[in-house]
Amino acid sequence: MVVQSLWRHRHLIWQLTKREVIGRYRGSFMGLLWSFFNPMLMLAVYTFVFSGVFRARWGAQGASHTDFAIMLFAGLIVFSTFAECVNRAPGLIISNVNYVKKVVFPLESLPWVAMGSTIFHSLVSVLVLLMMCLCTRGTLHWTALLFPLVILPLLLVTIGCSWFLAALGVFVRDIGQAVVIMTTVLMFLTPIFYPASALPESVRGYVILNPLASVVEQARSVLIEGDLPNWQTFGVELSVSVVVAWLGLLWFQKTRNGFSDVL
């Protein structure tokens, strides 16, 4: 049902996603180059602050100061993919009222479009990250090719939450503000600014309940450390994420008939 939604409207989703990505930089002098310049600037800032100012190290004592910025940036890429889609979701239907009035328009495609735009910028950030790894470590790992597979469960959870919040945002306008607060809290509860091993053992077990924690750790493993993902964990995550995506789409389709009455 979820895959069918994507495949059936793939051409429309592609065109709307391309229009959104290009439209974000339309009229600017550098155009799409901003999508490459922004993550480069942020990574440079992280490297300067955490390696030059705080002199922070990641995990083991043998780790370099630059490793902290690289690990932090990798975690932020994963988290931002989730947070940007979820934060936008409550306002997707409200900001596209003209589509609601069109009976033939597939409203369930709007979260896919928002995700497509986010994925584009995330992939550009991953490219910048790999360039940084090559410059500082002198090598890249072939396991980086597994990154799209590792992040697949997160994308399914994200689209499921987006469908749910997009529908709920039509009826409960305050949900948008609440989601922003919740994602901010979730950012600090996810091992982004610290390794999961730094958590006390009494708390470490609860990290499993955070759907982002494992994906962040696995993304770092394949992109930076050259390790294969934990396939058992990946299988569990994929199974749960399919259910979340299906429930989100089911909720959206059940409530969409009331959108036009509210709007």
Protein backbone atom coordinates (compact mmCIF):
# COMPACT_ATOMS: atom_id res chain seq x y z
CA MET A 1 0.00 0.00 0.00
CA VAL A 2 2.83 2.40 0.90
CA VAL A 3 4.98 1.45 -2.09
CA GLN A 4 1.92 1.52 -4.32
CA SER A 5 1.25 5.11 -3.25
CA LEU A 6 4.77 6.10 -4.27
CA TRP A 7 4.86 4.14 -7.53
CA ARG A 8 1.43 5.16 -8.77
CA HIS A 9 2.18 8.89 -8.52
CA ARG A 10 5.93 8.73 -9.11
CA HIS A 11 5.91 11.12 -12.08
CA LEU A 12 3.89 13.74 -10.20
CA ILE A 13 6.06 13.37 -7.09
CA TRP A 14 9.22 13.72 -9.18
CA GLN A 15 8.01 16.88 -10.92
CA LEU A 16 6.81 18.52 -7.68
CA THR A 17 10.02 17.57 -5.86
CA LYS A 18 12.18 18.98 -8.64
CA ARG A 19 10.14 22.16 -8.66
CA GLU A 20 10.49 22.54 -4.89
CA VAL A 21 14.26 21.99 -4.90
CA ILE A 22 14.86 24.39 -7.79
CA GLY A 23 12.32 26.89 -6.45
CA ARG A 24 14.17 27.15 -3.14
CA TYR A 25 17.17 28.68 -4.90
CA ARG A 26 15.42 30.41 -7.80
CA GLY A 27 16.63 33.97 -8.26
CA SER A 28 19.83 33.51 -6.22
CA PHE A 29 23.21 34.08 -7.84
CA MET A 30 24.70 30.69 -6.90
CA GLY A 31 21.51 28.71 -7.48
CA LEU A 32 21.77 25.00 -6.61
CA LEU A 33 25.37 25.50 -5.51
CA TRP A 34 23.92 26.77 -2.21
CA SER A 35 22.80 23.19 -1.46
CA PHE A 36 26.48 22.20 -1.61
CA PHE A 37 27.89 25.32 0.03
CA ASN A 38 25.65 25.21 3.12
CA PRO A 39 26.75 21.76 4.41
CA MET A 40 30.37 22.59 3.63
CA LEU A 41 30.12 25.74 5.73
CA MET A 42 28.41 23.92 8.60
CA LEU A 43 31.00 21.13 8.61
CA ALA A 44 33.79 23.73 8.62
CA VAL A 45 32.14 25.46 11.60
CA TYR A 46 31.72 22.17 13.49
CA THR A 47 35.36 21.27 12.82
CA PHE A 48 36.61 24.66 14.05
CA VAL A 49 34.42 24.79 17.16
CA PHE A 50 34.77 21.22 18.40
CA SER A 51 38.35 20.51 17.32
CA GLY A 52 39.86 24.00 17.61
CA VAL A 53 37.94 25.54 20.51
CA PHE A 54 36.58 22.71 22.67
CA ARG A 55 39.21 20.17 21.54
CA ALA A 56 36.60 17.48 22.00
CA ARG A 57 37.34 13.84 21.19
CA TRP A 58 34.93 11.13 20.14
CA GLY A 59 34.99 8.00 22.25
CA ALA A 60 38.45 6.47 22.50
CA GLN A 61 41.45 8.50 23.52
CA GLY A 62 43.17 7.78 20.20
CA ALA A 63 40.50 9.58 18.24
CA SER A 64 41.46 12.88 16.64
CA HIS A 65 39.74 16.18 17.31
CA THR A 66 38.42 16.24 13.73
CA ASP A 67 36.66 12.90 14.28
CA PHE A 68 34.23 14.60 16.65
CA ALA A 69 33.06 17.02 13.97
CA ILE A 70 32.73 14.20 11.42
CA MET A 71 30.73 11.99 13.78
CA LEU A 72 28.54 14.92 14.82
CA PHE A 73 27.86 15.89 11.22
CA ALA A 74 26.90 12.31 10.28
CA GLY A 75 24.42 12.16 13.16
CA LEU A 76 22.93 15.52 12.23
CA ILE A 77 22.40 14.41 8.62
CA VAL A 78 20.30 11.47 9.76
CA PHE A 79 18.38 13.47 12.35
CA SER A 80 17.74 16.41 10.01
CA THR A 81 16.22 14.06 7.44
CA PHE A 82 13.64 13.02 10.00
CA ALA A 83 13.14 16.38 11.73
CA GLU A 84 12.70 18.50 8.60
CA CYS A 85 9.97 16.23 7.19
CA VAL A 86 8.14 15.83 10.49
CA ASN A 87 8.27 19.55 11.32
CA ARG A 88 6.82 20.43 7.91
CA ALA A 89 4.14 17.74 7.97
CA PRO A 90 1.46 19.48 10.11
CA GLY A 91 1.27 22.39 7.68
CA LEU A 92 1.41 20.48 4.40
CA ILE A 93 -2.34 20.27 3.80
CA ILE A 94 -3.09 23.68 5.30
CA SER A 95 -0.59 25.38 2.99
CA ASN A 96 -1.95 23.58 -0.08
CA VAL A 97 -5.68 24.24 0.25
CA ASN A 98 -6.03 24.55 -3.53
CA TYR A 99 -5.06 20.89 -3.89
CA VAL A 100 -7.71 19.84 -1.36
CA LYS A 101 -10.44 21.30 -3.57
CA LYS A 102 -9.22 19.23 -6.51
CA VAL A 103 -10.82 15.82 -6.19
CA VAL A 104 -8.38 14.16 -8.60
CA PHE A 105 -5.22 15.36 -6.83
CA PRO A 106 -3.50 12.67 -4.70
CA LEU A 107 -3.01 14.51 -1.40
CA GLU A 108 -0.99 11.60 0.02
CA SER A 109 1.77 12.62 -2.43
CA LEU A 110 2.54 15.86 -0.58
CA PRO A 111 4.56 14.17 2.23
CA TRP A 112 6.50 12.27 -0.46
CA VAL A 113 7.37 15.58 -2.13
CA ALA A 114 8.59 17.08 1.15
CA MET A 115 10.67 13.97 1.79
CA GLY A 116 12.12 14.02 -1.73
CA SER A 117 13.39 17.56 -1.24
CA THR A 118 14.88 16.63 2.13
CA ILE A 119 16.58 13.53 0.73
CA PHE A 120 18.21 15.61 -2.00
CA HIS A 121 19.83 17.95 0.53
CA SER A 122 20.77 15.03 2.79
CA LEU A 123 22.58 13.27 -0.06
CA VAL A 124 24.50 16.45 -0.81
CA SER A 125 25.50 16.60 2.86
CA VAL A 126 26.62 12.96 2.71
CA LEU A 127 28.81 13.83 -0.29
CA VAL A 128 30.41 16.65 1.71
CA LEU A 129 30.94 14.28 4.64
CA LEU A 130 32.66 11.68 2.44
CA MET A 131 34.90 14.36 0.97
CA MET A 132 35.87 15.38 4.51
CA CYS A 133 36.62 11.76 5.43
CA LEU A 134 38.80 11.40 2.33
CA CYS A 135 40.72 14.58 3.16
CA THR A 136 41.29 13.79 6.85
CA ARG A 137 41.57 10.00 6.76
CA GLY A 138 42.89 9.44 3.27
CA THR A 139 40.41 6.71 2.44
CA LEU A 140 36.77 5.87 1.94
CA HIS A 141 35.02 2.63 2.85
CA TRP A 142 32.95 0.65 0.35
CA THR A 143 30.33 0.19 3.08
CA ALA A 144 29.25 3.79 2.41
CA LEU A 145 27.27 2.31 -0.49
CA LEU A 146 25.03 0.67 2.12
CA PHE A 147 23.93 4.03 3.54
CA PRO A 148 20.68 4.20 1.49
CA LEU A 149 19.78 0.74 2.76
CA VAL A 150 20.61 1.59 6.37
CA ILE A 151 18.47 4.73 6.30
CA LEU A 152 15.49 3.02 4.64
CA PRO A 153 13.73 2.17 7.96
CA LEU A 154 14.06 5.80 9.03
CA LEU A 155 12.52 7.01 5.77
CA LEU A 156 9.55 4.68 6.22
CA VAL A 157 9.02 5.83 9.80
CA THR A 158 9.33 9.43 8.66
CA ILE A 159 6.77 9.12 5.87
CA GLY A 160 4.38 7.33 8.25
CA CYS A 161 4.70 10.09 10.84
CA SER A 162 4.35 12.72 8.10
CA TRP A 163 1.07 11.25 6.88
CA PHE A 164 -0.26 11.07 10.42
CA LEU A 165 0.79 14.62 11.33
CA ALA A 166 -0.31 16.09 8.00
CA ALA A 167 -3.84 14.82 8.60
CA LEU A 168 -3.85 15.71 12.28
CA GLY A 169 -2.57 19.21 11.55
CA VAL A 170 -5.75 19.99 9.61
CA PHE A 171 -7.94 19.42 12.68
CA VAL A 172 -5.51 20.43 15.47
CA ARG A 173 -3.54 23.52 14.47
CA ASP A 174 -1.42 23.53 17.65
CA ILE A 175 0.19 20.24 16.70
CA GLY A 176 2.78 22.03 14.59
CA GLN A 177 4.21 23.89 17.59
CA ALA A 178 4.22 20.75 19.70
CA VAL A 179 6.08 18.77 17.04
CA VAL A 180 8.88 21.36 16.86
CA ILE A 181 9.39 21.12 20.63
CA MET A 182 9.31 17.31 20.56
CA THR A 183 11.88 17.06 17.77
CA THR A 184 14.19 19.43 19.64
CA VAL A 185 13.97 17.24 22.74
CA LEU A 186 14.48 14.13 20.61
CA MET A 187 17.66 15.61 19.15
CA PHE A 188 19.31 15.67 22.57
CA LEU A 189 17.98 12.21 23.47
CA THR A 190 19.57 10.77 20.33
CA PRO A 191 23.33 9.98 20.36
CA ILE A 192 24.25 12.81 18.00
CA PHE A 193 26.49 14.97 20.17
CA TYR A 194 27.85 11.94 22.02
CA PRO A 195 28.44 8.23 21.31
CA ALA A 196 25.89 5.77 22.67
CA SER A 197 28.71 4.14 24.63
CA ALA A 198 29.03 7.34 26.70
CA LEU A 199 25.62 6.79 28.25
CA PRO A 200 25.39 5.08 31.66
CA GLU A 201 24.60 1.39 31.36
CA SER A 202 21.41 1.89 33.36
CA VAL A 203 20.15 4.29 30.68
CA ARG A 204 21.69 2.72 27.59
CA GLY A 205 18.97 0.10 27.32
CA TYR A 206 16.29 2.76 26.92
CA VAL A 207 18.08 4.18 23.88
CA ILE A 208 16.70 1.23 21.92
CA LEU A 209 13.25 2.77 22.28
CA ASN A 210 14.43 5.79 20.30
CA PRO A 211 13.90 4.91 16.62
CA LEU A 212 16.61 7.35 15.55
CA ALA A 213 19.38 6.12 17.83
CA SER A 214 20.10 2.86 16.04
CA VAL A 215 19.91 4.43 12.59
CA VAL A 216 22.38 7.13 13.61
CA GLU A 217 24.81 4.53 14.95
CA GLN A 218 24.47 2.31 11.88
CA ALA A 219 24.91 5.27 9.53
CA ARG A 220 28.17 6.19 11.26
CA SER A 221 29.32 2.60 11.03
CA VAL A 222 28.89 2.29 7.27
CA LEU A 223 29.89 5.84 6.31
CA ILE A 224 32.84 6.49 8.59
CA GLU A 225 34.02 3.35 10.35
CA GLY A 226 33.68 0.90 7.46
CA ASP A 227 31.67 -1.64 9.45
CA LEU A 228 28.76 -3.65 8.15
CA PRO A 229 25.36 -2.90 9.70
CA ASN A 230 23.84 -5.18 12.31
CA TRP A 231 21.51 -7.13 10.04
CA GLN A 232 19.39 -8.46 12.88
CA THR A 233 18.74 -4.95 14.17
CA PHE A 234 18.11 -3.76 10.63
CA GLY A 235 15.53 -6.48 10.07
CA VAL A 236 13.61 -5.51 13.22
CA GLU A 237 13.76 -1.81 12.32
CA LEU A 238 12.53 -2.47 8.78
CA SER A 239 9.60 -4.58 9.97
CA VAL A 240 8.50 -1.96 12.52
CA SER A 241 8.95 0.89 10.04
CA VAL A 242 6.73 -0.79 7.44
CA VAL A 243 3.96 -1.07 10.03
CA VAL A 244 4.38 2.60 11.05
CA ALA A 245 4.25 3.74 7.42
CA TRP A 246 1.17 1.63 6.72
CA LEU A 247 -0.67 2.94 9.80
CA GLY A 248 0.23 6.53 8.92
CA LEU A 249 -1.15 6.18 5.39
CA LEU A 250 -4.26 4.39 6.68
CA TRP A 251 -4.96 7.27 9.10
CA PHE A 252 -4.43 9.81 6.33
CA GLN A 253 -6.81 8.08 3.94
CA LYS A 254 -9.47 7.64 6.64
CA THR A 255 -9.46 11.32 7.60
CA ARG A 256 -8.92 13.02 4.23
CA ASN A 257 -12.65 13.23 3.51
CA GLY A 258 -12.98 15.78 6.31
CA PHE A 259 -10.23 18.10 5.05
CA SER A 260 -12.44 20.16 2.77
CA ASP A 261 -15.03 20.67 5.53
CA VAL A 262 -12.43 22.08 7.95
CA LEU A 263 -10.51 24.12 5.39
